[in-house]
Amino acid sequence: MRSVARGLELPPLSTVEELCEAVAERCGRPIRLEPRRMRVGEPSGFVERRADADVIHYEQETSGLHRAHIICHELAHLLCGHLAEVPPLDEETARVELPTIDPEMLRLVLGRSHYDDAAEEEAEVLGAELLRILVLAPGDGTTSQLAPAMEHRKGQHV
């Protein structure tokens, strides 16, 4: 796993967006990031394979560090080849085949992949390694989130 992450040859001080570009180049498909409010019962992120690109949906109401973690996990699924190669139905075909179902909902459901435990574990390990090689900007990384815990407030540690 480490060799996969290091093999991306990211420049120093890389961002999540630069990581996405490197993975897109390696996989030969564009990657787009789409923040959204996840519905009850949905995971905090998932990859949707579209005909023209892979789209990583992630929870928009979260911290920068959690956002990076979600995206790295989903990028790991792409790097590990966990997504099916066949894109889901396009919108026009979906309207003809299943006219009573909203094409947006159909695309989300069919575009997602459900992974077994081994694939999830593999993506979690590689995703963590990808996250480790990023140097997150101030305000997004662990330093900014730990700082309040290390401050003195009214002469006491908190």
C-alpha atoms as a PDB file:
ATOM      1  CA  MET A   1       0.000   0.000   0.000  1.00  0.00           C
ATOM      2  CA  ARG A   2       2.763   2.410   0.910  1.00  0.00           C
ATOM      3  CA  SER A   3       4.337   1.998  -2.515  1.00  0.00           C
ATOM      4  CA  VAL A   4       1.006   2.890  -4.175  1.00  0.00           C
ATOM      5  CA  ALA A   5       0.739   6.083  -2.139  1.00  0.00           C
ATOM      6  CA  ARG A   6       4.399   7.024  -2.613  1.00  0.00           C
ATOM      7  CA  GLY A   7       4.196   6.076  -6.290  1.00  0.00           C
ATOM      8  CA  LEU A   8       1.871   9.009  -6.897  1.00  0.00           C
ATOM      9  CA  GLU A   9       4.935  11.249  -6.425  1.00  0.00           C
ATOM     10  CA  LEU A  10       3.038  14.169  -4.955  1.00  0.00           C
ATOM     11  CA  PRO A  11       4.888  17.445  -4.556  1.00  0.00           C
ATOM     12  CA  PRO A  12       5.531  18.708  -1.007  1.00  0.00           C
ATOM     13  CA  LEU A  13       2.603  20.511   0.615  1.00  0.00           C
ATOM     14  CA  SER A  14       0.071  18.706  -1.559  1.00  0.00           C
ATOM     15  CA  THR A  15      -3.635  19.306  -1.143  1.00  0.00           C
ATOM     16  CA  VAL A  16      -6.489  16.852  -1.411  1.00  0.00           C
ATOM     17  CA  GLU A  17      -7.297  18.380  -4.795  1.00  0.00           C
ATOM     18  CA  GLU A  18      -3.737  17.725  -6.022  1.00  0.00           C
ATOM     19  CA  LEU A  19      -4.050  14.167  -4.755  1.00  0.00           C
ATOM     20  CA  CYS A  20      -7.267  13.796  -6.776  1.00  0.00           C
ATOM     21  CA  GLU A  21      -5.444  15.031  -9.888  1.00  0.00           C
ATOM     22  CA  ALA A  22      -2.630  12.516  -9.346  1.00  0.00           C
ATOM     23  CA  VAL A  23      -5.078   9.634  -8.859  1.00  0.00           C
ATOM     24  CA  ALA A  24      -7.088  10.728 -11.905  1.00  0.00           C
ATOM     25  CA  GLU A  25      -3.924  10.700 -13.992  1.00  0.00           C
ATOM     26  CA  ARG A  26      -2.942   7.269 -12.685  1.00  0.00           C
ATOM     27  CA  CYS A  27      -6.439   5.816 -13.246  1.00  0.00           C
ATOM     28  CA  GLY A  28      -6.950   7.525 -16.599  1.00  0.00           C
ATOM     29  CA  ARG A  29     -10.312   9.075 -15.646  1.00  0.00           C
ATOM     30  CA  PRO A  30     -11.258  12.523 -14.376  1.00  0.00           C
ATOM     31  CA  ILE A  31     -12.280  12.794 -10.736  1.00  0.00           C
ATOM     32  CA  ARG A  32     -14.705  15.409  -9.458  1.00  0.00           C
ATOM     33  CA  LEU A  33     -15.458  16.260  -5.852  1.00  0.00           C
ATOM     34  CA  GLU A  34     -19.064  16.987  -4.915  1.00  0.00           C
ATOM     35  CA  PRO A  35     -19.927  18.036  -1.383  1.00  0.00           C
ATOM     36  CA  ARG A  36     -23.478  17.230  -0.332  1.00  0.00           C
ATOM     37  CA  ARG A  37     -25.654  16.610   2.653  1.00  0.00           C
ATOM     38  CA  MET A  38     -25.776  12.892   3.115  1.00  0.00           C
ATOM     39  CA  ARG A  39     -29.138  11.337   3.822  1.00  0.00           C
ATOM     40  CA  VAL A  40     -29.824   9.326   6.953  1.00  0.00           C
ATOM     41  CA  GLY A  41     -28.247   5.916   6.576  1.00  0.00           C
ATOM     42  CA  GLU A  42     -25.784   6.980   3.868  1.00  0.00           C
ATOM     43  CA  PRO A  43     -22.050   6.712   4.471  1.00  0.00           C
ATOM     44  CA  SER A  44     -20.069   9.936   4.857  1.00  0.00           C
ATOM     45  CA  GLY A  45     -18.739   9.494   1.328  1.00  0.00           C
ATOM     46  CA  PHE A  46     -18.926   7.327  -1.761  1.00  0.00           C
ATOM     47  CA  VAL A  47     -17.725   7.164  -5.351  1.00  0.00           C
ATOM     48  CA  GLU A  48     -20.143   7.349  -8.241  1.00  0.00           C
ATOM     49  CA  ARG A  49     -18.848   6.034 -11.552  1.00  0.00           C
ATOM     50  CA  ARG A  50     -20.281   8.133 -14.370  1.00  0.00           C
ATOM     51  CA  ALA A  51     -19.600   7.678 -18.064  1.00  0.00           C
ATOM     52  CA  ASP A  52     -17.417  10.816 -18.176  1.00  0.00           C
ATOM     53  CA  ALA A  53     -15.799  10.840 -14.710  1.00  0.00           C
ATOM     54  CA  ASP A  54     -15.636   9.360 -11.241  1.00  0.00           C
ATOM     55  CA  VAL A  55     -17.425  11.572  -8.727  1.00  0.00           C
ATOM     56  CA  ILE A  56     -16.569  11.500  -5.034  1.00  0.00           C
ATOM     57  CA  HIS A  57     -19.515  12.603  -2.941  1.00  0.00           C
ATOM     58  CA  TYR A  58     -18.654  13.588   0.605  1.00  0.00           C
ATOM     59  CA  GLU A  59     -20.475  15.044   3.588  1.00  0.00           C
ATOM     60  CA  GLN A  60     -20.299  18.818   3.348  1.00  0.00           C
ATOM     61  CA  GLU A  61     -21.066  19.439   7.021  1.00  0.00           C
ATOM     62  CA  THR A  62     -17.807  18.150   8.463  1.00  0.00           C
ATOM     63  CA  SER A  63     -14.323  19.307   9.397  1.00  0.00           C
ATOM     64  CA  GLY A  64     -11.528  19.754   6.883  1.00  0.00           C
ATOM     65  CA  LEU A  65      -9.645  16.803   8.330  1.00  0.00           C
ATOM     66  CA  HIS A  66     -12.682  14.508   8.123  1.00  0.00           C
ATOM     67  CA  ARG A  67     -13.333  15.738   4.555  1.00  0.00           C
ATOM     68  CA  ALA A  68      -9.755  14.805   3.621  1.00  0.00           C
ATOM     69  CA  HIS A  69     -10.127  11.396   5.294  1.00  0.00           C
ATOM     70  CA  ILE A  70     -13.351  10.648   3.396  1.00  0.00           C
ATOM     71  CA  ILE A  71     -11.861  11.688   0.057  1.00  0.00           C
ATOM     72  CA  CYS A  72      -8.654   9.695   0.638  1.00  0.00           C
ATOM     73  CA  HIS A  73     -10.716   6.600   1.473  1.00  0.00           C
ATOM     74  CA  GLU A  74     -12.732   6.955  -1.734  1.00  0.00           C
ATOM     75  CA  LEU A  75      -9.581   7.597  -3.778  1.00  0.00           C
ATOM     76  CA  ALA A  76      -8.197   4.365  -2.327  1.00  0.00           C
ATOM     77  CA  HIS A  77     -11.219   2.479  -3.707  1.00  0.00           C
ATOM     78  CA  LEU A  78     -10.355   3.892  -7.139  1.00  0.00           C
ATOM     79  CA  LEU A  79      -6.660   3.015  -6.837  1.00  0.00           C
ATOM     80  CA  CYS A  80      -7.496  -0.515  -5.699  1.00  0.00           C
ATOM     81  CA  GLY A  81      -9.852  -1.059  -8.642  1.00  0.00           C
ATOM     82  CA  HIS A  82     -12.919  -1.679  -6.494  1.00  0.00           C
ATOM     83  CA  LEU A  83     -15.385   0.038  -8.839  1.00  0.00           C
ATOM     84  CA  ALA A  84     -17.092  -1.803 -11.664  1.00  0.00           C
ATOM     85  CA  GLU A  85     -15.899  -0.769 -15.107  1.00  0.00           C
ATOM     86  CA  VAL A  86     -19.431  -0.460 -16.501  1.00  0.00           C
ATOM     87  CA  PRO A  87     -20.923   3.014 -15.975  1.00  0.00           C
ATOM     88  CA  PRO A  88     -24.520   3.280 -14.738  1.00  0.00           C
ATOM     89  CA  LEU A  89     -27.458   4.106 -16.982  1.00  0.00           C
ATOM     90  CA  ASP A  90     -27.411   7.552 -18.525  1.00  0.00           C
ATOM     91  CA  GLU A  91     -30.308   9.880 -17.694  1.00  0.00           C
ATOM     92  CA  GLU A  92     -32.172   9.395 -20.987  1.00  0.00           C
ATOM     93  CA  THR A  93     -32.032   5.603 -20.755  1.00  0.00           C
ATOM     94  CA  ALA A  94     -33.105   5.761 -17.100  1.00  0.00           C
ATOM     95  CA  ARG A  95     -36.208   7.806 -18.015  1.00  0.00           C
ATOM     96  CA  VAL A  96     -37.226   5.240 -20.640  1.00  0.00           C
ATOM     97  CA  GLU A  97     -36.436   2.128 -18.616  1.00  0.00           C
ATOM     98  CA  LEU A  98     -37.666   3.336 -15.215  1.00  0.00           C
ATOM     99  CA  PRO A  99     -39.881   6.379 -15.846  1.00  0.00           C
ATOM    100  CA  THR A 100     -41.301   6.597 -12.312  1.00  0.00           C
ATOM    101  CA  ILE A 101     -37.935   6.822 -10.563  1.00  0.00           C
ATOM    102  CA  ASP A 102     -36.063  10.114 -10.305  1.00  0.00           C
ATOM    103  CA  PRO A 103     -32.966   9.820 -12.579  1.00  0.00           C
ATOM    104  CA  GLU A 104     -30.789  11.556  -9.940  1.00  0.00           C
ATOM    105  CA  MET A 105     -31.721   8.949  -7.312  1.00  0.00           C
ATOM    106  CA  LEU A 106     -31.283   6.110  -9.795  1.00  0.00           C
ATOM    107  CA  ARG A 107     -27.824   7.359 -10.785  1.00  0.00           C
ATOM    108  CA  LEU A 108     -26.754   7.644  -7.149  1.00  0.00           C
ATOM    109  CA  VAL A 109     -27.940   4.150  -6.302  1.00  0.00           C
ATOM    110  CA  LEU A 110     -26.557   2.477  -9.416  1.00  0.00           C
ATOM    111  CA  GLY A 111     -23.381   4.548  -9.401  1.00  0.00           C
ATOM    112  CA  ARG A 112     -22.372   3.383  -5.980  1.00  0.00           C
ATOM    113  CA  SER A 113     -20.461   0.239  -5.346  1.00  0.00           C
ATOM    114  CA  HIS A 114     -20.987  -1.908  -2.320  1.00  0.00           C
ATOM    115  CA  TYR A 115     -17.762  -3.421  -1.148  1.00  0.00           C
ATOM    116  CA  ASP A 116     -17.060  -6.464   0.925  1.00  0.00           C
ATOM    117  CA  ASP A 117     -15.193  -6.185   4.204  1.00  0.00           C
ATOM    118  CA  ALA A 118     -11.812  -6.970   2.597  1.00  0.00           C
ATOM    119  CA  ALA A 119     -12.219  -4.136   0.078  1.00  0.00           C
ATOM    120  CA  GLU A 120     -13.280  -1.722   2.822  1.00  0.00           C
ATOM    121  CA  GLU A 121     -10.274  -2.698   4.929  1.00  0.00           C
ATOM    122  CA  GLU A 122      -7.946  -2.294   1.947  1.00  0.00           C
ATOM    123  CA  ALA A 123      -9.411   1.153   1.177  1.00  0.00           C
ATOM    124  CA  GLU A 124      -9.166   2.207   4.817  1.00  0.00           C
ATOM    125  CA  VAL A 125      -5.486   1.250   5.037  1.00  0.00           C
ATOM    126  CA  LEU A 126      -4.521   2.887   1.738  1.00  0.00           C
ATOM    127  CA  GLY A 127      -6.742   5.897   2.475  1.00  0.00           C
ATOM    128  CA  ALA A 128      -4.950   6.413   5.787  1.00  0.00           C
ATOM    129  CA  GLU A 129      -1.586   6.205   4.013  1.00  0.00           C
ATOM    130  CA  LEU A 130      -2.733   8.748   1.419  1.00  0.00           C
ATOM    131  CA  LEU A 131      -3.875  11.072   4.197  1.00  0.00           C
ATOM    132  CA  ARG A 132      -0.503  10.727   5.955  1.00  0.00           C
ATOM    133  CA  ILE A 133       1.430  11.909   2.915  1.00  0.00           C
ATOM    134  CA  LEU A 134      -0.649  15.066   2.574  1.00  0.00           C
ATOM    135  CA  VAL A 135       0.389  18.181   4.376  1.00  0.00           C
ATOM    136  CA  LEU A 136      -2.919  19.833   5.068  1.00  0.00           C
ATOM    137  CA  ALA A 137      -3.303  23.591   5.030  1.00  0.00           C
ATOM    138  CA  PRO A 138      -3.661  25.440   8.342  1.00  0.00           C
ATOM    139  CA  GLY A 139      -7.244  25.150   9.480  1.00  0.00           C
ATOM    140  CA  ASP A 140      -7.705  21.768   7.820  1.00  0.00           C
ATOM    141  CA  GLY A 141      -5.205  19.561   9.577  1.00  0.00           C
ATOM    142  CA  THR A 142      -4.712  17.998  12.938  1.00  0.00           C
ATOM    143  CA  THR A 143      -2.613  20.879  14.242  1.00  0.00           C
ATOM    144  CA  SER A 144      -5.483  23.344  14.032  1.00  0.00           C
ATOM    145  CA  GLN A 145      -7.858  20.879  15.631  1.00  0.00           C
ATOM    146  CA  LEU A 146      -5.523  19.974  18.476  1.00  0.00           C
ATOM    147  CA  ALA A 147      -4.445  23.533  19.248  1.00  0.00           C
ATOM    148  CA  PRO A 148      -7.516  24.389  21.360  1.00  0.00           C
ATOM    149  CA  ALA A 149      -6.895  21.299  23.468  1.00  0.00           C
ATOM    150  CA  MET A 150      -3.381  22.495  24.248  1.00  0.00           C
ATOM    151  CA  GLU A 151      -4.194  26.112  25.043  1.00  0.00           C
ATOM    152  CA  HIS A 152      -4.218  27.519  28.530  1.00  0.00           C
ATOM    153  CA  ARG A 153      -7.598  28.912  29.427  1.00  0.00           C
ATOM    154  CA  LYS A 154      -7.791  31.001  32.575  1.00  0.00           C
ATOM    155  CA  GLY A 155      -4.562  29.438  33.776  1.00  0.00           C
ATOM    156  CA  GLN A 156      -5.729  25.839  33.384  1.00  0.00           C
ATOM    157  CA  HIS A 157      -5.085  23.214  30.791  1.00  0.00           C
ATOM    158  CA  VAL A 158      -8.171  22.090  28.934  1.00  0.00           C
END
